[in-house]
Structures are given as structure tokens and as C-alpha cells.
Full PDB file with SEQRES, HELIX, SHEET, SSBOND, CRYST1, ORIGX, SCALE, CONECT and MASTER records, all heavy atoms in Angstrom:
SEQRES   1 A   40  PHE ASN GLN SER ALA LEU LEU ALA GLN GLU ILE ALA ARG          
SEQRES   2 A   40  HIS THR GLY ALA LYS PRO MET VAL ASP ALA LEU VAL ARG          
SEQRES   3 A   40  ARG ARG LYS THR PRO MET LEU GLY GLY LEU GLY PRO GLN          
SEQRES   4 A   40  GLU                                                          
HELIX    1 AA1 GLN A    3  THR A   15  1                                  13    
CRYST1    1.000    1.000    1.000  90.00  90.00  90.00 P 1           1          
ORIGX1      1.000000  0.000000  0.000000        0.00000                         
ORIGX2      0.000000  1.000000  0.000000        0.00000                         
ORIGX3      0.000000  0.000000  1.000000        0.00000                         
SCALE1      1.000000  0.000000  0.000000        0.00000                         
SCALE2      0.000000  1.000000  0.000000        0.00000                         
SCALE3      0.000000  0.000000  1.000000        0.00000                         
ATOM      1  N   PHE A   1       0.843  -1.189   0.000  1.00  0.00           N  
ATOM      2  CA  PHE A   1       0.000   0.000   0.000  1.00  0.00           C  
ATOM      3  C   PHE A   1       0.879   1.240   0.000  1.00  0.00           C  
ATOM      4  O   PHE A   1       2.061   1.185   0.352  1.00  0.00           O  
ATOM      5  CB  PHE A   1      -0.928   0.030   1.227  1.00  0.00           C  
ATOM      6  CG  PHE A   1      -0.182   0.073   2.549  1.00  0.00           C  
ATOM      7  CD1 PHE A   1       0.130   1.286   3.161  1.00  0.00           C  
ATOM      8  CD2 PHE A   1       0.223  -1.108   3.176  1.00  0.00           C  
ATOM      9  CE1 PHE A   1       0.822   1.328   4.355  1.00  0.00           C  
ATOM     10  CE2 PHE A   1       0.922  -1.074   4.376  1.00  0.00           C  
ATOM     11  CZ  PHE A   1       1.220   0.151   4.970  1.00  0.00           C  
ATOM     12  N   ASN A   2       0.293   2.342  -0.409  1.00  0.00           N  
ATOM     13  CA  ASN A   2       0.957   3.643  -0.340  1.00  0.00           C  
ATOM     14  C   ASN A   2       0.332   4.401   0.820  1.00  0.00           C  
ATOM     15  O   ASN A   2      -0.858   4.743   0.783  1.00  0.00           O  
ATOM     16  CB  ASN A   2       0.762   4.409  -1.656  1.00  0.00           C  
ATOM     17  CG  ASN A   2       1.394   5.794  -1.619  1.00  0.00           C  
ATOM     18  OD1 ASN A   2       1.940   6.223  -0.601  1.00  0.00           O  
ATOM     19  ND2 ASN A   2       1.298   6.522  -2.728  1.00  0.00           N  
ATOM     20  N   GLN A   3       1.094   4.635   1.876  1.00  0.00           N  
ATOM     21  CA  GLN A   3       0.549   5.295   3.057  1.00  0.00           C  
ATOM     22  C   GLN A   3       0.007   6.688   2.737  1.00  0.00           C  
ATOM     23  O   GLN A   3      -0.988   7.129   3.326  1.00  0.00           O  
ATOM     24  CB  GLN A   3       1.591   5.367   4.178  1.00  0.00           C  
ATOM     25  CG  GLN A   3       2.710   6.371   3.982  1.00  0.00           C  
ATOM     26  CD  GLN A   3       3.792   5.854   3.038  1.00  0.00           C  
ATOM     27  OE1 GLN A   3       3.746   4.705   2.591  1.00  0.00           O  
ATOM     28  NE2 GLN A   3       4.763   6.695   2.753  1.00  0.00           N  
ATOM     29  N   SER A   4       0.625   7.377   1.780  1.00  0.00           N  
ATOM     30  CA  SER A   4       0.153   8.715   1.408  1.00  0.00           C  
ATOM     31  C   SER A   4      -1.208   8.642   0.706  1.00  0.00           C  
ATOM     32  O   SER A   4      -2.040   9.536   0.854  1.00  0.00           O  
ATOM     33  CB  SER A   4       1.177   9.408   0.508  1.00  0.00           C  
ATOM     34  OG  SER A   4       2.391   9.611   1.205  1.00  0.00           O  
ATOM     35  N   ALA A   5      -1.427   7.555  -0.040  1.00  0.00           N  
ATOM     36  CA  ALA A   5      -2.722   7.376  -0.695  1.00  0.00           C  
ATOM     37  C   ALA A   5      -3.812   7.100   0.338  1.00  0.00           C  
ATOM     38  O   ALA A   5      -4.947   7.582   0.200  1.00  0.00           O  
ATOM     39  CB  ALA A   5      -2.639   6.233  -1.707  1.00  0.00           C  
ATOM     40  N   LEU A   6      -3.494   6.328   1.386  1.00  0.00           N  
ATOM     41  CA  LEU A   6      -4.461   6.092   2.450  1.00  0.00           C  
ATOM     42  C   LEU A   6      -4.831   7.403   3.137  1.00  0.00           C  
ATOM     43  O   LEU A   6      -6.003   7.661   3.432  1.00  0.00           O  
ATOM     44  CB  LEU A   6      -3.892   5.113   3.479  1.00  0.00           C  
ATOM     45  CG  LEU A   6      -3.588   3.689   2.997  1.00  0.00           C  
ATOM     46  CD1 LEU A   6      -3.035   2.856   4.153  1.00  0.00           C  
ATOM     47  CD2 LEU A   6      -4.836   3.033   2.432  1.00  0.00           C  
ATOM     48  N   LEU A   7      -3.834   8.237   3.392  1.00  0.00           N  
ATOM     49  CA  LEU A   7      -4.093   9.539   4.026  1.00  0.00           C  
ATOM     50  C   LEU A   7      -4.907  10.443   3.100  1.00  0.00           C  
ATOM     51  O   LEU A   7      -5.794  11.165   3.551  1.00  0.00           O  
ATOM     52  CB  LEU A   7      -2.766  10.201   4.400  1.00  0.00           C  
ATOM     53  CG  LEU A   7      -1.944   9.478   5.477  1.00  0.00           C  
ATOM     54  CD1 LEU A   7      -0.574  10.143   5.632  1.00  0.00           C  
ATOM     55  CD2 LEU A   7      -2.674   9.458   6.809  1.00  0.00           C  
ATOM     56  N   ALA A   8      -4.603  10.386   1.803  1.00  0.00           N  
ATOM     57  CA  ALA A   8      -5.347  11.195   0.831  1.00  0.00           C  
ATOM     58  C   ALA A   8      -6.826  10.811   0.824  1.00  0.00           C  
ATOM     59  O   ALA A   8      -7.715  11.676   0.748  1.00  0.00           O  
ATOM     60  CB  ALA A   8      -4.752  11.027  -0.562  1.00  0.00           C  
ATOM     61  N   GLN A   9      -7.113   9.521   0.909  1.00  0.00           N  
ATOM     62  CA  GLN A   9      -8.500   9.071   0.915  1.00  0.00           C  
ATOM     63  C   GLN A   9      -9.227   9.523   2.176  1.00  0.00           C  
ATOM     64  O   GLN A   9     -10.406   9.893   2.130  1.00  0.00           O  
ATOM     65  CB  GLN A   9      -8.539   7.550   0.775  1.00  0.00           C  
ATOM     66  CG  GLN A   9      -8.113   7.072  -0.610  1.00  0.00           C  
ATOM     67  CD  GLN A   9      -7.936   5.574  -0.699  1.00  0.00           C  
ATOM     68  OE1 GLN A   9      -7.580   4.920   0.282  1.00  0.00           O  
ATOM     69  NE2 GLN A   9      -8.186   5.010  -1.866  1.00  0.00           N  
ATOM     70  N   GLU A  10      -8.526   9.537   3.310  1.00  0.00           N  
ATOM     71  CA  GLU A  10      -9.135  10.018   4.552  1.00  0.00           C  
ATOM     72  C   GLU A  10      -9.394  11.517   4.481  1.00  0.00           C  
ATOM     73  O   GLU A  10     -10.435  12.010   4.936  1.00  0.00           O  
ATOM     74  CB  GLU A  10      -8.239   9.690   5.746  1.00  0.00           C  
ATOM     75  CG  GLU A  10      -8.181   8.212   6.094  1.00  0.00           C  
ATOM     76  CD  GLU A  10      -9.528   7.673   6.540  1.00  0.00           C  
ATOM     77  OE1 GLU A  10     -10.312   8.427   7.153  1.00  0.00           O  
ATOM     78  OE2 GLU A  10      -9.801   6.494   6.269  1.00  0.00           O  
ATOM     79  N   ILE A  11      -8.442  12.250   3.915  1.00  0.00           N  
ATOM     80  CA  ILE A  11      -8.629  13.694   3.749  1.00  0.00           C  
ATOM     81  C   ILE A  11      -9.855  13.966   2.894  1.00  0.00           C  
ATOM     82  O   ILE A  11     -10.680  14.840   3.209  1.00  0.00           O  
ATOM     83  CB  ILE A  11      -7.371  14.322   3.118  1.00  0.00           C  
ATOM     84  CG1 ILE A  11      -6.222  14.341   4.126  1.00  0.00           C  
ATOM     85  CG2 ILE A  11      -7.659  15.742   2.623  1.00  0.00           C  
ATOM     86  CD1 ILE A  11      -4.890  14.730   3.525  1.00  0.00           C  
ATOM     87  N   ALA A  12      -9.984  13.225   1.803  1.00  0.00           N  
ATOM     88  CA  ALA A  12     -11.134  13.402   0.918  1.00  0.00           C  
ATOM     89  C   ALA A  12     -12.435  13.130   1.655  1.00  0.00           C  
ATOM     90  O   ALA A  12     -13.427  13.854   1.506  1.00  0.00           O  
ATOM     91  CB  ALA A  12     -10.998  12.475  -0.292  1.00  0.00           C  
ATOM     92  N   ARG A  13     -12.435  12.098   2.479  1.00  0.00           N  
ATOM     93  CA  ARG A  13     -13.657  11.719   3.199  1.00  0.00           C  
ATOM     94  C   ARG A  13     -14.091  12.793   4.176  1.00  0.00           C  
ATOM     95  O   ARG A  13     -15.285  13.020   4.379  1.00  0.00           O  
ATOM     96  CB  ARG A  13     -13.412  10.403   3.948  1.00  0.00           C  
ATOM     97  CG  ARG A  13     -14.655   9.782   4.537  1.00  0.00           C  
ATOM     98  CD  ARG A  13     -14.439   8.303   4.791  1.00  0.00           C  
ATOM     99  NE  ARG A  13     -13.512   8.052   5.856  1.00  0.00           N  
ATOM    100  CZ  ARG A  13     -13.868   7.937   7.138  1.00  0.00           C  
ATOM    101  NH1 ARG A  13     -15.137   8.078   7.490  1.00  0.00           N  
ATOM    102  NH2 ARG A  13     -12.979   7.674   8.060  1.00  0.00           N  
ATOM    103  N   HIS A  14     -13.128  13.493   4.776  1.00  0.00           N  
ATOM    104  CA  HIS A  14     -13.461  14.471   5.808  1.00  0.00           C  
ATOM    105  C   HIS A  14     -13.588  15.900   5.290  1.00  0.00           C  
ATOM    106  O   HIS A  14     -14.079  16.771   6.018  1.00  0.00           O  
ATOM    107  CB  HIS A  14     -12.418  14.429   6.925  1.00  0.00           C  
ATOM    108  CG  HIS A  14     -12.465  13.173   7.741  1.00  0.00           C  
ATOM    109  ND1 HIS A  14     -13.454  12.907   8.662  1.00  0.00           N  
ATOM    110  CD2 HIS A  14     -11.657  12.076   7.748  1.00  0.00           C  
ATOM    111  CE1 HIS A  14     -13.257  11.728   9.220  1.00  0.00           C  
ATOM    112  NE2 HIS A  14     -12.161  11.204   8.668  1.00  0.00           N  
ATOM    113  N   THR A  15     -13.135  16.168   4.076  1.00  0.00           N  
ATOM    114  CA  THR A  15     -13.203  17.533   3.542  1.00  0.00           C  
ATOM    115  C   THR A  15     -14.166  17.681   2.374  1.00  0.00           C  
ATOM    116  O   THR A  15     -14.550  18.798   2.024  1.00  0.00           O  
ATOM    117  CB  THR A  15     -11.814  18.006   3.072  1.00  0.00           C  
ATOM    118  OG1 THR A  15     -11.362  17.168   1.996  1.00  0.00           O  
ATOM    119  CG2 THR A  15     -10.802  17.988   4.216  1.00  0.00           C  
ATOM    120  N   GLY A  16     -14.529  16.569   1.746  1.00  0.00           N  
ATOM    121  CA  GLY A  16     -15.377  16.653   0.560  1.00  0.00           C  
ATOM    122  C   GLY A  16     -14.590  16.829  -0.722  1.00  0.00           C  
ATOM    123  O   GLY A  16     -15.175  16.923  -1.807  1.00  0.00           O  
ATOM    124  N   ALA A  17     -13.269  16.874  -0.615  1.00  0.00           N  
ATOM    125  CA  ALA A  17     -12.422  16.924  -1.820  1.00  0.00           C  
ATOM    126  C   ALA A  17     -12.454  15.564  -2.511  1.00  0.00           C  
ATOM    127  O   ALA A  17     -12.851  14.553  -1.915  1.00  0.00           O  
ATOM    128  CB  ALA A  17     -10.995  17.306  -1.444  1.00  0.00           C  
ATOM    129  N   LYS A  18     -12.026  15.536  -3.764  1.00  0.00           N  
ATOM    130  CA  LYS A  18     -12.082  14.296  -4.550  1.00  0.00           C  
ATOM    131  C   LYS A  18     -10.690  13.671  -4.632  1.00  0.00           C  
ATOM    132  O   LYS A  18      -9.744  14.321  -5.070  1.00  0.00           O  
ATOM    133  CB  LYS A  18     -12.602  14.587  -5.956  1.00  0.00           C  
ATOM    134  CG  LYS A  18     -12.826  13.333  -6.790  1.00  0.00           C  
ATOM    135  CD  LYS A  18     -13.458  13.674  -8.116  1.00  0.00           C  
ATOM    136  CE  LYS A  18     -13.707  12.421  -8.949  1.00  0.00           C  
ATOM    137  NZ  LYS A  18     -14.619  11.480  -8.275  1.00  0.00           N  
ATOM    138  N   PRO A  19     -10.550  12.397  -4.242  1.00  0.00           N  
ATOM    139  CA  PRO A  19      -9.227  11.762  -4.321  1.00  0.00           C  
ATOM    140  C   PRO A  19      -8.861  11.395  -5.756  1.00  0.00           C  
ATOM    141  O   PRO A  19      -9.710  10.976  -6.535  1.00  0.00           O  
ATOM    142  CB  PRO A  19      -9.397  10.497  -3.463  1.00  0.00           C  
ATOM    143  CG  PRO A  19     -10.851  10.175  -3.552  1.00  0.00           C  
ATOM    144  CD  PRO A  19     -11.570  11.496  -3.657  1.00  0.00           C  
ATOM    145  N   MET A  20      -7.602  11.573  -6.092  1.00  0.00           N  
ATOM    146  CA  MET A  20      -7.061  11.134  -7.380  1.00  0.00           C  
ATOM    147  C   MET A  20      -5.712  10.487  -7.080  1.00  0.00           C  
ATOM    148  O   MET A  20      -4.659  11.106  -7.206  1.00  0.00           O  
ATOM    149  CB  MET A  20      -6.908  12.308  -8.350  1.00  0.00           C  
ATOM    150  CG  MET A  20      -6.534  11.892  -9.768  1.00  0.00           C  
ATOM    151  SD  MET A  20      -6.328  13.297 -10.896  1.00  0.00           S  
ATOM    152  CE  MET A  20      -8.036  13.788 -11.103  1.00  0.00           C  
ATOM    153  N   VAL A  21      -5.767   9.210  -6.651  1.00  0.00           N  
ATOM    154  CA  VAL A  21      -4.584   8.576  -6.084  1.00  0.00           C  
ATOM    155  C   VAL A  21      -3.529   8.194  -7.114  1.00  0.00           C  
ATOM    156  O   VAL A  21      -2.392   7.883  -6.746  1.00  0.00           O  
ATOM    157  CB  VAL A  21      -4.977   7.332  -5.255  1.00  0.00           C  
ATOM    158  CG1 VAL A  21      -5.842   7.728  -4.073  1.00  0.00           C  
ATOM    159  CG2 VAL A  21      -5.696   6.309  -6.120  1.00  0.00           C  
ATOM    160  N   ASP A  22      -3.891   8.201  -8.397  1.00  0.00           N  
ATOM    161  CA  ASP A  22      -2.919   7.812  -9.418  1.00  0.00           C  
ATOM    162  C   ASP A  22      -2.516   8.981 -10.319  1.00  0.00           C  
ATOM    163  O   ASP A  22      -2.020   8.773 -11.430  1.00  0.00           O  
ATOM    164  CB  ASP A  22      -3.463   6.667 -10.273  1.00  0.00           C  
ATOM    165  CG  ASP A  22      -4.768   7.032 -10.989  1.00  0.00           C  
ATOM    166  OD1 ASP A  22      -5.343   8.094 -10.674  1.00  0.00           O  
ATOM    167  OD2 ASP A  22      -5.203   6.250 -11.848  1.00  0.00           O  
ATOM    168  N   ALA A  23      -2.705  10.211  -9.859  1.00  0.00           N  
ATOM    169  CA  ALA A  23      -2.384  11.372 -10.691  1.00  0.00           C  
ATOM    170  C   ALA A  23      -0.886  11.487 -10.969  1.00  0.00           C  
ATOM    171  O   ALA A  23      -0.475  11.907 -12.050  1.00  0.00           O  
ATOM    172  CB  ALA A  23      -2.889  12.654 -10.032  1.00  0.00           C  
ATOM    173  N   LEU A  24      -0.065  11.111  -9.986  1.00  0.00           N  
ATOM    174  CA  LEU A  24       1.387  11.189 -10.127  1.00  0.00           C  
ATOM    175  C   LEU A  24       1.983   9.789 -10.130  1.00  0.00           C  
ATOM    176  O   LEU A  24       1.459   8.875  -9.490  1.00  0.00           O  
ATOM    177  CB  LEU A  24       1.994  11.996  -8.977  1.00  0.00           C  
ATOM    178  CG  LEU A  24       1.614  13.479  -8.905  1.00  0.00           C  
ATOM    179  CD1 LEU A  24       2.146  14.098  -7.613  1.00  0.00           C  
ATOM    180  CD2 LEU A  24       2.127  14.239 -10.116  1.00  0.00           C  
ATOM    181  N   VAL A  25       3.077   9.621 -10.842  1.00  0.00           N  
ATOM    182  CA  VAL A  25       3.778   8.334 -10.885  1.00  0.00           C  
ATOM    183  C   VAL A  25       5.261   8.568 -10.600  1.00  0.00           C  
ATOM    184  O   VAL A  25       5.821   9.606 -10.959  1.00  0.00           O  
ATOM    185  CB  VAL A  25       3.617   7.637 -12.248  1.00  0.00           C  
ATOM    186  CG1 VAL A  25       2.177   7.236 -12.486  1.00  0.00           C  
ATOM    187  CG2 VAL A  25       4.106   8.529 -13.387  1.00  0.00           C  
ATOM    188  N   ARG A  26       5.846   7.590  -9.928  1.00  0.00           N  
ATOM    189  CA  ARG A  26       7.300   7.633  -9.693  1.00  0.00           C  
ATOM    190  C   ARG A  26       7.944   6.812 -10.792  1.00  0.00           C  
ATOM    191  O   ARG A  26       7.795   5.595 -10.847  1.00  0.00           O  
ATOM    192  CB  ARG A  26       7.651   7.095  -8.301  1.00  0.00           C  
ATOM    193  CG  ARG A  26       9.037   7.571  -7.835  1.00  0.00           C  
ATOM    194  CD  ARG A  26       9.273   7.213  -6.386  1.00  0.00           C  
ATOM    195  NE  ARG A  26       8.563   8.060  -5.460  1.00  0.00           N  
ATOM    196  CZ  ARG A  26       9.135   8.920  -4.611  1.00  0.00           C  
ATOM    197  NH1 ARG A  26      10.453   9.071  -4.630  1.00  0.00           N  
ATOM    198  NH2 ARG A  26       8.414   9.629  -3.780  1.00  0.00           N  
ATOM    199  N   ARG A  27       8.626   7.501 -11.702  1.00  0.00           N  
ATOM    200  CA  ARG A  27       9.137   6.857 -12.918  1.00  0.00           C  
ATOM    201  C   ARG A  27      10.284   5.899 -12.650  1.00  0.00           C  
ATOM    202  O   ARG A  27      10.486   4.948 -13.417  1.00  0.00           O  
ATOM    203  CB  ARG A  27       9.595   7.941 -13.894  1.00  0.00           C  
ATOM    204  CG  ARG A  27       8.450   8.798 -14.440  1.00  0.00           C  
ATOM    205  CD  ARG A  27       8.984  10.005 -15.143  1.00  0.00           C  
ATOM    206  NE  ARG A  27       7.941  10.769 -15.834  1.00  0.00           N  
ATOM    207  CZ  ARG A  27       8.079  12.036 -16.198  1.00  0.00           C  
ATOM    208  NH1 ARG A  27       9.208  12.688 -15.935  1.00  0.00           N  
ATOM    209  NH2 ARG A  27       7.082  12.649 -16.808  1.00  0.00           N  
ATOM    210  N   ARG A  28      11.044   6.158 -11.627  1.00  0.00           N  
ATOM    211  CA  ARG A  28      12.148   5.248 -11.316  1.00  0.00           C  
ATOM    212  C   ARG A  28      12.278   5.132  -9.803  1.00  0.00           C  
ATOM    213  O   ARG A  28      11.857   6.015  -9.055  1.00  0.00           O  
ATOM    214  CB  ARG A  28      13.466   5.745 -11.918  1.00  0.00           C  
ATOM    215  CG  ARG A  28      14.002   7.024 -11.327  1.00  0.00           C  
ATOM    216  CD  ARG A  28      15.412   7.332 -11.818  1.00  0.00           C  
ATOM    217  NE  ARG A  28      16.008   8.429 -11.102  1.00  0.00           N  
ATOM    218  CZ  ARG A  28      15.868   9.711 -11.418  1.00  0.00           C  
ATOM    219  NH1 ARG A  28      15.148  10.060 -12.469  1.00  0.00           N  
ATOM    220  NH2 ARG A  28      16.452  10.645 -10.706  1.00  0.00           N  
ATOM    221  N   LYS A  29      12.853   4.036  -9.378  1.00  0.00           N  
ATOM    222  CA  LYS A  29      13.052   3.804  -7.961  1.00  0.00           C  
ATOM    223  C   LYS A  29      14.192   4.682  -7.466  1.00  0.00           C  
ATOM    224  O   LYS A  29      15.268   4.709  -8.057  1.00  0.00           O  
ATOM    225  CB  LYS A  29      13.371   2.325  -7.705  1.00  0.00           C  
ATOM    226  CG  LYS A  29      13.413   1.954  -6.238  1.00  0.00           C  
ATOM    227  CD  LYS A  29      13.654   0.465  -6.065  1.00  0.00           C  
ATOM    228  CE  LYS A  29      13.701   0.097  -4.589  1.00  0.00           C  
ATOM    229  NZ  LYS A  29      13.945  -1.347  -4.402  1.00  0.00           N  
ATOM    230  N   THR A  30      13.953   5.410  -6.403  1.00  0.00           N  
ATOM    231  CA  THR A  30      14.976   6.297  -5.845  1.00  0.00           C  
ATOM    232  C   THR A  30      15.416   5.760  -4.484  1.00  0.00           C  
ATOM    233  O   THR A  30      14.640   5.103  -3.790  1.00  0.00           O  
ATOM    234  CB  THR A  30      14.433   7.728  -5.672  1.00  0.00           C  
ATOM    235  OG1 THR A  30      13.223   7.689  -4.897  1.00  0.00           O  
ATOM    236  CG2 THR A  30      14.130   8.348  -7.022  1.00  0.00           C  
ATOM    237  N   PRO A  31      16.654   6.027  -4.099  1.00  0.00           N  
ATOM    238  CA  PRO A  31      17.129   5.552  -2.793  1.00  0.00           C  
ATOM    239  C   PRO A  31      16.448   6.315  -1.664  1.00  0.00           C  
ATOM    240  O   PRO A  31      15.849   7.370  -1.881  1.00  0.00           O  
ATOM    241  CB  PRO A  31      18.630   5.853  -2.847  1.00  0.00           C  
ATOM    242  CG  PRO A  31      18.748   7.001  -3.801  1.00  0.00           C  
ATOM    243  CD  PRO A  31      17.686   6.774  -4.835  1.00  0.00           C  
ATOM    244  N   MET A  32      16.538   5.777  -0.453  1.00  0.00           N  
ATOM    245  CA  MET A  32      16.022   6.483   0.708  1.00  0.00           C  
ATOM    246  C   MET A  32      16.775   7.804   0.849  1.00  0.00           C  
ATOM    247  O   MET A  32      17.989   7.867   0.652  1.00  0.00           O  
ATOM    248  CB  MET A  32      16.204   5.639   1.966  1.00  0.00           C  
ATOM    249  CG  MET A  32      15.486   4.290   1.899  1.00  0.00           C  
ATOM    250  SD  MET A  32      13.705   4.442   1.691  1.00  0.00           S  
ATOM    251  CE  MET A  32      13.248   5.063   3.309  1.00  0.00           C  
ATOM    252  N   LEU A  33      16.034   8.868   1.206  1.00  0.00           N  
ATOM    253  CA  LEU A  33      16.623  10.209   1.230  1.00  0.00           C  
ATOM    254  C   LEU A  33      17.220  10.587   2.580  1.00  0.00           C  
ATOM    255  O   LEU A  33      17.850  11.628   2.695  1.00  0.00           O  
ATOM    256  CB  LEU A  33      15.560  11.241   0.831  1.00  0.00           C  
ATOM    257  CG  LEU A  33      14.939  11.042  -0.553  1.00  0.00           C  
ATOM    258  CD1 LEU A  33      13.906  12.136  -0.810  1.00  0.00           C  
ATOM    259  CD2 LEU A  33      16.001  11.049  -1.634  1.00  0.00           C  
ATOM    260  N   GLY A  34      17.003   9.758   3.586  1.00  0.00           N  
ATOM    261  CA  GLY A  34      17.538  10.058   4.908  1.00  0.00           C  
ATOM    262  C   GLY A  34      19.048  10.214   4.872  1.00  0.00           C  
ATOM    263  O   GLY A  34      19.759   9.409   4.274  1.00  0.00           O  
ATOM    264  N   GLY A  35      19.550  11.256   5.510  1.00  0.00           N  
ATOM    265  CA  GLY A  35      20.991  11.506   5.561  1.00  0.00           C  
ATOM    266  C   GLY A  35      21.507  12.365   4.430  1.00  0.00           C  
ATOM    267  O   GLY A  35      22.669  12.793   4.456  1.00  0.00           O  
ATOM    268  N   LEU A  36      20.660  12.619   3.410  1.00  0.00           N  
ATOM    269  CA  LEU A  36      21.081  13.456   2.295  1.00  0.00           C  
ATOM    270  C   LEU A  36      20.711  14.917   2.560  1.00  0.00           C  
ATOM    271  O   LEU A  36      19.696  15.212   3.176  1.00  0.00           O  
ATOM    272  CB  LEU A  36      20.411  13.000   0.990  1.00  0.00           C  
ATOM    273  CG  LEU A  36      20.702  11.571   0.514  1.00  0.00           C  
ATOM    274  CD1 LEU A  36      19.958  11.298  -0.784  1.00  0.00           C  
ATOM    275  CD2 LEU A  36      22.203  11.369   0.318  1.00  0.00           C  
ATOM    276  N   GLY A  37      21.538  15.833   2.066  1.00  0.00           N  
ATOM    277  CA  GLY A  37      21.251  17.252   2.186  1.00  0.00           C  
ATOM    278  C   GLY A  37      20.210  17.675   1.158  1.00  0.00           C  
ATOM    279  O   GLY A  37      19.873  16.925   0.242  1.00  0.00           O  
ATOM    280  N   PRO A  38      19.685  18.907   1.275  1.00  0.00           N  
ATOM    281  CA  PRO A  38      18.649  19.390   0.362  1.00  0.00           C  
ATOM    282  C   PRO A  38      19.044  19.305  -1.108  1.00  0.00           C  
ATOM    283  O   PRO A  38      18.246  18.881  -1.948  1.00  0.00           O  
ATOM    284  CB  PRO A  38      18.445  20.837   0.812  1.00  0.00           C  
ATOM    285  CG  PRO A  38      18.847  20.852   2.244  1.00  0.00           C  
ATOM    286  CD  PRO A  38      19.978  19.872   2.339  1.00  0.00           C  
ATOM    287  N   GLN A  39      20.282  19.699  -1.437  1.00  0.00           N  
ATOM    288  CA  GLN A  39      20.712  19.674  -2.833  1.00  0.00           C  
ATOM    289  C   GLN A  39      20.851  18.249  -3.345  1.00  0.00           C  
ATOM    290  O   GLN A  39      20.480  17.947  -4.494  1.00  0.00           O  
ATOM    291  CB  GLN A  39      22.035  20.427  -2.988  1.00  0.00           C  
ATOM    292  CG  GLN A  39      21.912  21.933  -2.749  1.00  0.00           C  
ATOM    293  CD  GLN A  39      23.228  22.661  -2.969  1.00  0.00           C  
ATOM    294  OE1 GLN A  39      24.296  22.059  -2.974  1.00  0.00           O  
ATOM    295  NE2 GLN A  39      23.142  23.974  -3.152  1.00  0.00           N  
ATOM    296  N   GLU A  40      21.339  17.342  -2.488  1.00  0.00           N  
ATOM    297  CA  GLU A  40      21.470  15.939  -2.891  1.00  0.00           C  
ATOM    298  C   GLU A  40      20.101  15.313  -3.115  1.00  0.00           C  
ATOM    299  O   GLU A  40      19.884  14.540  -4.047  1.00  0.00           O  
ATOM    300  CB  GLU A  40      22.236  15.158  -1.819  1.00  0.00           C  
ATOM    301  CG  GLU A  40      23.691  15.570  -1.673  1.00  0.00           C  
ATOM    302  CD  GLU A  40      24.335  14.928  -0.458  1.00  0.00           C  
ATOM    303  OE1 GLU A  40      23.794  15.115   0.658  1.00  0.00           O  
ATOM    304  OE2 GLU A  40      25.344  14.225  -0.623  1.00  0.00           O  
TER     305      GLU A  40                                                      
MASTER        0    0    0    1    0    0    0    6  304    1    0    4          
END                                                                             
């Protein structure tokens, strides 16, 4: 599951906004960002 998509659906339920969980796609797998600076 995508935790952000679950949160988006809850937001939609409580605000009346419309969820669009597949609007964005991650084109390639990226490494974990922890420990990297803003520019990295």
C-alpha cells in the first residue's frame, strides 16, 4: 500500500475533496533520502 494514498483518501472523506490517487507516478526507484542534504 501507499501510506500517502491512504491519508489522501481520509482527507477526501473528511473535507469533501475528490481523491485522485494515481495522478502522479514515480518513474524510477529512488534511494532512501535520509541523511542526504537538500541539494542531494
